[in-house]
Amino acid sequence: MPTQADRRGASDLLLFLIPTFIWGTTWLAIKFQLGGVAPEVSVAWRFGLASLLLLAWCVARGVPLRFPLRDHLAFVLLGLLLFGANYVLVYRSEAYLTSGLVAVISSLMVFWNLLGARVFFGTAAPRAVLAGAVLGVAGLALLFRPEVTHLRPGGAPGQATGIALALLSTLLSSGGTLFSQRLFARGVAVLPATAFGMGWSALAVAAWCALTGIPFAFDARPGYVLSLAYLAAFGSVVAFAAYLTLVGRIGAGRTGFMTVLIPAVAMAVSTVFEGYRWTPGALAGMALVIGGTALVLRARSMR
C-alpha cells in the first residue's frame, strides 16, 4: 500500500511534468503571437488575462484575496522578475538568435538556481543534481548543435545583443523563482500571489508600452486569439501554478531543471507537428537530457 511519502513523491512528479509538457508546447502557440502585435503587448495581454482567470478561480473557491501593502510590493517584484521583464527579454532575444540557441542559453537557469539556493538558503546541491544538470545542458547543446556551432566571436549582427538579452532573462527568471521560494516559505498562498504577480506584471509592461510609444494593439484573427487563450490558461495559469507549488515543496534548485527538459519536449512535439527528423547527434543529446532528468528527480531533497 502506498505510503504518504510515496503519494507525495508521485504528486511532486506530476507537478514537475505538467509545466514541463505545457511549456514544451507553448512555442507552437507563440508562433501565432508574432507579427502584428508587439511582443511587449502580447506579454501584457497574456498575463493580464491569466491574472483575471486566476483571481476568478480564487473567488470561486473562496480563497482570501486581502493582503497588506507589504505583500503587494512583494507581488510586484515577483511579477516583474517571473512574468514580465524576463518574457519581454526572451521575445526580444529571438529577434537576433535562433530559438534553439535561446533554449540552450535559457537552460543555464538551472545553474543560477542551484547557486542561488546555496547562497540564499544554504542548501548545497547533491552531487547527483549537479551531475544531472551538467548532463542535461550538455545534451541540450548537442540537441541544438547546428545553432550552437553558428555561435562565433564577431558573428552575425546583433548576436552579442541577443546573447546578453537571453542571459539577462535567465538571471531575472532565476531571481523570481528564488524569491518565490522565500515568499511561500513565510506562508503566502501560491495561487493569489501568482494571480496578483501576473496582474502587476501586465500593468507594468502596459505602462512601459505607453511610455515608449509601443502601440497597444490587438489581433482579432482566430490564430492570435486562440493562441493567446492557450498561453494564458495553460501556459500561464496551469503551468505556473504547478511550477510555483513545486518550488514551495522541493525548492528552486531541482525545479529549475525544467528549463533543460522543456526544449527537449519541444523537439519531440516538433516531430509530431512539423516532421522534425532526428539525427544521431540529436538522439544522443536527448538521451543525455533524459539521463540528467532521472538523476535530478531521484536525488535527495534539497530543502
Protein backbone atom coordinates (compact mmCIF):
# COMPACT_ATOMS: atom_id res chain seq x y z
CA MET A 1 0.00 0.00 0.00
CA PRO A 2 1.45 3.43 -0.97
CA THR A 3 2.81 5.40 1.94
CA GLN A 4 2.34 9.14 2.46
CA ALA A 5 5.90 9.66 1.19
CA ASP A 6 5.06 7.67 -1.97
CA ARG A 7 1.97 9.77 -2.59
CA ARG A 8 3.92 12.97 -2.02
CA GLY A 9 6.60 11.80 -4.44
CA ALA A 10 4.02 11.00 -7.11
CA SER A 11 2.39 14.38 -6.57
CA ASP A 12 5.75 16.17 -6.93
CA LEU A 13 6.49 14.25 -10.13
CA LEU A 14 3.12 15.29 -11.57
CA LEU A 15 3.79 18.91 -10.62
CA PHE A 16 7.13 18.64 -12.44
CA LEU A 17 5.71 17.04 -15.58
CA ILE A 18 2.68 19.30 -16.06
CA PRO A 19 4.53 22.60 -16.65
CA THR A 20 7.36 20.82 -18.46
CA PHE A 21 4.94 19.40 -21.02
CA ILE A 22 2.86 22.60 -21.31
CA TRP A 23 5.89 24.88 -21.75
CA GLY A 24 7.30 22.38 -24.24
CA THR A 25 4.24 23.03 -26.42
CA THR A 26 3.79 26.78 -25.96
CA TRP A 27 6.38 27.57 -28.63
CA LEU A 28 3.77 26.45 -31.18
CA ALA A 29 1.30 28.95 -29.78
CA ILE A 30 3.87 31.76 -29.61
CA LYS A 31 4.40 31.49 -33.37
CA PHE A 32 0.83 32.78 -33.81
CA GLN A 33 1.59 35.71 -31.49
CA LEU A 34 4.37 37.15 -33.63
CA GLY A 35 3.78 39.67 -36.38
CA GLY A 36 1.00 42.22 -35.98
CA VAL A 37 1.29 42.81 -32.23
CA ALA A 38 4.47 43.93 -30.45
CA PRO A 39 5.97 41.27 -28.15
CA GLU A 40 5.60 43.51 -25.09
CA VAL A 41 1.91 43.98 -25.81
CA SER A 42 1.37 40.24 -26.26
CA VAL A 43 3.06 39.65 -22.89
CA ALA A 44 0.75 42.21 -21.27
CA TRP A 45 -2.36 40.61 -22.83
CA ARG A 46 -1.22 37.12 -21.83
CA PHE A 47 -0.55 37.79 -18.17
CA GLY A 48 -3.40 40.24 -17.76
CA LEU A 49 -5.84 37.57 -18.92
CA ALA A 50 -4.09 34.91 -16.82
CA SER A 51 -4.38 37.12 -13.74
CA LEU A 52 -8.11 37.58 -14.25
CA LEU A 53 -8.60 33.83 -14.69
CA LEU A 54 -6.68 33.05 -11.50
CA LEU A 55 -8.45 35.74 -9.48
CA ALA A 56 -11.80 34.40 -10.67
CA TRP A 57 -10.75 30.89 -9.59
CA CYS A 58 -9.74 32.19 -6.17
CA VAL A 59 -13.07 33.98 -5.75
CA ALA A 60 -15.00 30.87 -6.80
CA ARG A 61 -13.04 28.73 -4.32
CA GLY A 62 -13.29 31.24 -1.50
CA VAL A 63 -9.53 31.85 -1.36
CA PRO A 64 -8.77 35.04 0.64
CA LEU A 65 -7.54 37.89 -1.56
CA ARG A 66 -6.91 40.60 1.04
CA PHE A 67 -3.20 41.28 1.52
CA PRO A 68 -1.26 44.10 3.21
CA LEU A 69 0.82 46.58 1.22
CA ARG A 70 4.00 44.67 2.10
CA ASP A 71 2.72 41.58 0.32
CA HIS A 72 1.58 43.53 -2.74
CA LEU A 73 5.05 45.05 -3.05
CA ALA A 74 6.40 41.50 -2.99
CA PHE A 75 3.88 40.50 -5.67
CA VAL A 76 5.07 43.40 -7.85
CA LEU A 77 8.67 42.18 -7.61
CA LEU A 78 7.61 38.58 -8.25
CA GLY A 79 5.64 39.66 -11.31
CA LEU A 80 8.40 41.78 -12.80
CA LEU A 81 11.00 39.04 -12.39
CA LEU A 82 8.99 35.97 -13.31
CA PHE A 83 6.20 37.13 -15.64
CA GLY A 84 7.13 40.49 -17.10
CA ALA A 85 10.68 41.58 -17.84
CA ASN A 86 12.12 38.13 -18.45
CA TYR A 87 9.43 37.23 -21.01
CA VAL A 88 9.94 40.50 -22.89
CA LEU A 89 13.69 39.83 -22.98
CA VAL A 90 13.17 36.31 -24.35
CA TYR A 91 10.93 37.64 -27.13
CA ARG A 92 13.48 40.33 -27.96
CA SER A 93 16.45 37.94 -27.90
CA GLU A 94 14.79 35.79 -30.55
CA ALA A 95 14.96 38.77 -32.91
CA TYR A 96 18.74 38.19 -33.00
CA LEU A 97 19.16 34.49 -32.22
CA THR A 98 17.55 31.22 -33.27
CA SER A 99 15.02 29.78 -30.85
CA GLY A 100 17.30 26.75 -30.38
CA LEU A 101 20.19 28.89 -29.21
CA VAL A 102 17.89 30.84 -26.88
CA ALA A 103 16.72 27.49 -25.45
CA VAL A 104 20.31 26.44 -24.73
CA ILE A 105 21.09 29.76 -23.04
CA SER A 106 17.84 29.58 -21.05
CA SER A 107 18.83 26.16 -19.72
CA LEU A 108 21.66 27.85 -17.81
CA MET A 109 18.98 28.93 -15.35
CA VAL A 110 19.36 25.54 -13.66
CA PHE A 111 22.86 26.56 -12.53
CA TRP A 112 21.74 30.02 -11.36
CA ASN A 113 19.03 28.33 -9.29
CA LEU A 114 21.49 25.89 -7.73
CA LEU A 115 23.91 28.70 -6.95
CA GLY A 116 21.13 30.91 -5.58
CA ALA A 117 19.80 28.11 -3.39
CA ARG A 118 23.28 27.73 -1.92
CA VAL A 119 23.82 31.48 -1.37
CA PHE A 120 20.37 32.50 -0.12
CA PHE A 121 19.10 29.32 1.56
CA GLY A 122 22.30 27.49 2.45
CA THR A 123 21.19 24.35 0.59
CA ALA A 124 24.05 22.55 -1.13
CA ALA A 125 23.13 20.62 -4.25
CA PRO A 126 23.68 16.84 -4.05
CA ARG A 127 26.28 15.56 -6.48
CA ALA A 128 23.57 13.74 -8.41
CA VAL A 129 21.76 17.03 -9.05
CA LEU A 130 24.93 18.76 -10.25
CA ALA A 131 25.80 15.79 -12.47
CA GLY A 132 22.25 15.76 -13.84
CA ALA A 133 22.40 19.48 -14.59
CA VAL A 134 25.70 19.14 -16.44
CA LEU A 135 24.43 16.14 -18.41
CA GLY A 136 21.19 17.92 -19.26
CA VAL A 137 22.77 21.13 -20.52
CA ALA A 138 25.38 19.18 -22.49
CA GLY A 139 22.61 17.10 -24.02
CA LEU A 140 20.66 20.23 -24.91
CA ALA A 141 23.72 21.74 -26.58
CA LEU A 142 24.09 18.52 -28.59
CA LEU A 143 20.39 18.50 -29.44
CA PHE A 144 20.69 22.05 -30.85
CA ARG A 145 24.20 21.57 -32.18
CA PRO A 146 23.57 23.35 -35.54
CA GLU A 147 22.52 26.54 -33.73
CA VAL A 148 25.34 26.34 -31.17
CA THR A 149 28.05 25.82 -33.82
CA HIS A 150 26.99 29.04 -35.56
CA LEU A 151 27.86 30.96 -32.39
CA ARG A 152 31.25 32.60 -33.06
CA PRO A 153 33.03 35.78 -31.93
CA GLY A 154 32.16 38.62 -34.27
CA GLY A 155 29.27 36.61 -35.68
CA ALA A 156 26.01 37.84 -37.13
CA PRO A 157 24.97 41.46 -36.42
CA GLY A 158 23.17 41.70 -33.11
CA GLN A 159 24.34 38.29 -31.91
CA ALA A 160 26.04 39.72 -28.83
CA THR A 161 22.91 41.72 -28.04
CA GLY A 162 20.74 38.63 -28.35
CA ILE A 163 23.01 36.62 -26.06
CA ALA A 164 23.03 39.41 -23.48
CA LEU A 165 19.24 39.67 -23.54
CA ALA A 166 18.80 35.89 -23.22
CA LEU A 167 21.30 35.68 -20.34
CA LEU A 168 19.66 38.57 -18.51
CA SER A 169 16.31 36.84 -18.94
CA THR A 170 17.62 33.68 -17.27
CA LEU A 171 19.00 35.69 -14.35
CA LEU A 172 15.70 37.50 -13.84
CA SER A 173 13.70 34.28 -14.06
CA SER A 174 16.02 32.56 -11.61
CA GLY A 175 15.74 35.52 -9.27
CA GLY A 176 11.96 35.32 -9.47
CA THR A 177 11.99 31.61 -8.70
CA LEU A 178 14.29 32.04 -5.71
CA PHE A 179 12.23 34.98 -4.46
CA SER A 180 9.04 32.92 -4.75
CA GLN A 181 10.62 30.21 -2.58
CA ARG A 182 11.29 32.78 0.15
CA LEU A 183 7.81 34.29 -0.25
CA PHE A 184 5.98 30.97 0.05
CA ALA A 185 8.20 29.87 2.93
CA ARG A 186 6.61 32.58 5.09
CA GLY A 187 3.12 31.25 4.41
CA VAL A 188 1.88 33.31 1.47
CA ALA A 189 -0.58 31.27 -0.61
CA VAL A 190 0.66 30.31 -4.09
CA LEU A 191 -2.44 31.00 -6.20
CA PRO A 192 -3.31 34.53 -5.05
CA ALA A 193 0.37 35.50 -5.07
CA THR A 194 0.65 34.22 -8.64
CA ALA A 195 -2.58 35.97 -9.68
CA PHE A 196 -1.53 39.34 -8.30
CA GLY A 197 2.04 38.92 -9.57
CA MET A 198 0.75 38.33 -13.08
CA GLY A 199 -1.63 41.27 -12.81
CA TRP A 200 1.04 43.68 -11.62
CA SER A 201 3.44 42.49 -14.32
CA ALA A 202 0.81 43.02 -17.03
CA LEU A 203 0.18 46.57 -15.78
CA ALA A 204 3.93 47.29 -15.62
CA VAL A 205 4.52 46.05 -19.18
CA ALA A 206 1.49 48.01 -20.43
CA ALA A 207 2.85 51.16 -18.74
CA TRP A 208 6.21 50.56 -20.40
CA CYS A 209 4.49 50.32 -23.77
CA ALA A 210 2.68 53.62 -23.14
CA LEU A 211 5.88 55.39 -22.05
CA THR A 212 7.93 54.13 -25.00
CA GLY A 213 5.25 54.62 -27.65
CA ILE A 214 4.67 50.96 -28.44
CA PRO A 215 1.18 50.67 -29.99
CA PHE A 216 -1.18 48.76 -27.73
CA ALA A 217 -2.78 46.69 -30.47
CA PHE A 218 -4.83 43.51 -30.57
CA ASP A 219 -5.10 40.93 -33.34
CA ALA A 220 -8.65 39.62 -33.65
CA ARG A 221 -7.74 36.81 -36.05
CA PRO A 222 -8.55 33.31 -34.73
CA GLY A 223 -4.90 32.22 -34.67
CA TYR A 224 -3.89 35.04 -32.35
CA VAL A 225 -6.95 34.82 -30.12
CA LEU A 226 -6.80 31.03 -29.70
CA SER A 227 -3.04 31.03 -29.07
CA LEU A 228 -3.47 33.83 -26.53
CA ALA A 229 -6.15 31.81 -24.74
CA TYR A 230 -3.88 28.75 -24.62
CA LEU A 231 -0.88 30.74 -23.41
CA ALA A 232 -2.92 32.46 -20.71
CA ALA A 233 -4.96 29.50 -19.44
CA PHE A 234 -2.45 26.68 -19.78
CA GLY A 235 0.96 28.28 -20.40
CA SER A 236 0.44 30.74 -17.54
CA VAL A 237 -2.29 29.72 -15.08
CA VAL A 238 -1.91 25.93 -15.01
CA ALA A 239 1.83 25.75 -15.67
CA PHE A 240 2.90 28.46 -13.23
CA ALA A 241 0.52 27.26 -10.52
CA ALA A 242 2.13 23.81 -10.71
CA TYR A 243 5.65 25.19 -11.06
CA LEU A 244 5.46 27.57 -8.10
CA THR A 245 3.74 24.96 -5.93
CA LEU A 246 6.66 22.64 -6.65
CA VAL A 247 9.16 25.39 -5.84
CA GLY A 248 7.49 25.69 -2.45
CA ARG A 249 7.84 21.93 -1.93
CA ILE A 250 11.28 20.99 -3.22
CA GLY A 251 12.99 24.35 -3.69
CA ALA A 252 14.23 26.30 -6.69
CA GLY A 253 17.30 24.13 -7.34
CA ARG A 254 15.73 20.94 -8.65
CA THR A 255 12.62 22.69 -10.00
CA GLY A 256 14.83 24.77 -12.28
CA PHE A 257 15.84 21.65 -14.20
CA MET A 258 12.62 22.11 -16.18
CA THR A 259 14.48 24.67 -18.30
CA VAL A 260 16.68 21.84 -19.58
CA LEU A 261 13.88 19.40 -20.28
CA ILE A 262 11.39 21.85 -21.87
CA PRO A 263 13.34 22.38 -25.15
CA ALA A 264 13.75 18.61 -25.49
CA VAL A 265 9.98 18.22 -25.12
CA ALA A 266 9.53 20.94 -27.73
CA MET A 267 11.67 18.96 -30.18
CA ALA A 268 9.58 15.86 -29.55
CA VAL A 269 6.43 17.89 -30.23
CA SER A 270 8.03 19.23 -33.41
CA THR A 271 8.44 15.64 -34.58
CA VAL A 272 4.67 15.21 -34.47
CA PHE A 273 3.56 18.60 -35.83
CA GLU A 274 6.42 19.66 -38.10
CA GLY A 275 8.04 16.42 -39.17
CA TYR A 276 11.35 17.08 -37.42
CA ARG A 277 13.93 14.44 -38.40
CA TRP A 278 16.24 13.13 -35.72
CA THR A 279 19.95 12.82 -36.36
CA PRO A 280 22.24 10.50 -34.36
CA GLY A 281 23.64 13.57 -32.56
CA ALA A 282 20.17 14.81 -31.64
CA LEU A 283 19.20 11.36 -30.34
CA ALA A 284 22.37 11.27 -28.23
CA GLY A 285 21.54 14.72 -26.90
CA MET A 286 18.02 13.64 -25.97
CA ALA A 287 19.44 10.58 -24.18
CA LEU A 288 21.70 12.86 -22.10
CA VAL A 289 18.79 15.13 -21.22
CA ILE A 290 16.67 12.16 -20.12
CA GLY A 291 19.56 10.73 -18.12
CA GLY A 292 20.17 14.07 -16.42
CA THR A 293 16.48 14.37 -15.61
CA ALA A 294 16.46 10.94 -13.99
CA LEU A 295 19.43 11.87 -11.80
CA VAL A 296 17.83 15.15 -10.68
CA LEU A 297 14.42 13.65 -9.89
CA ARG A 298 15.90 10.72 -7.96
CA ALA A 299 18.25 12.89 -5.91
CA ARG A 300 17.72 13.58 -2.22
CA SER A 301 15.63 16.57 -1.29
CA MET A 302 17.47 19.88 -1.44
CA ARG A 303 15.24 21.65 1.05
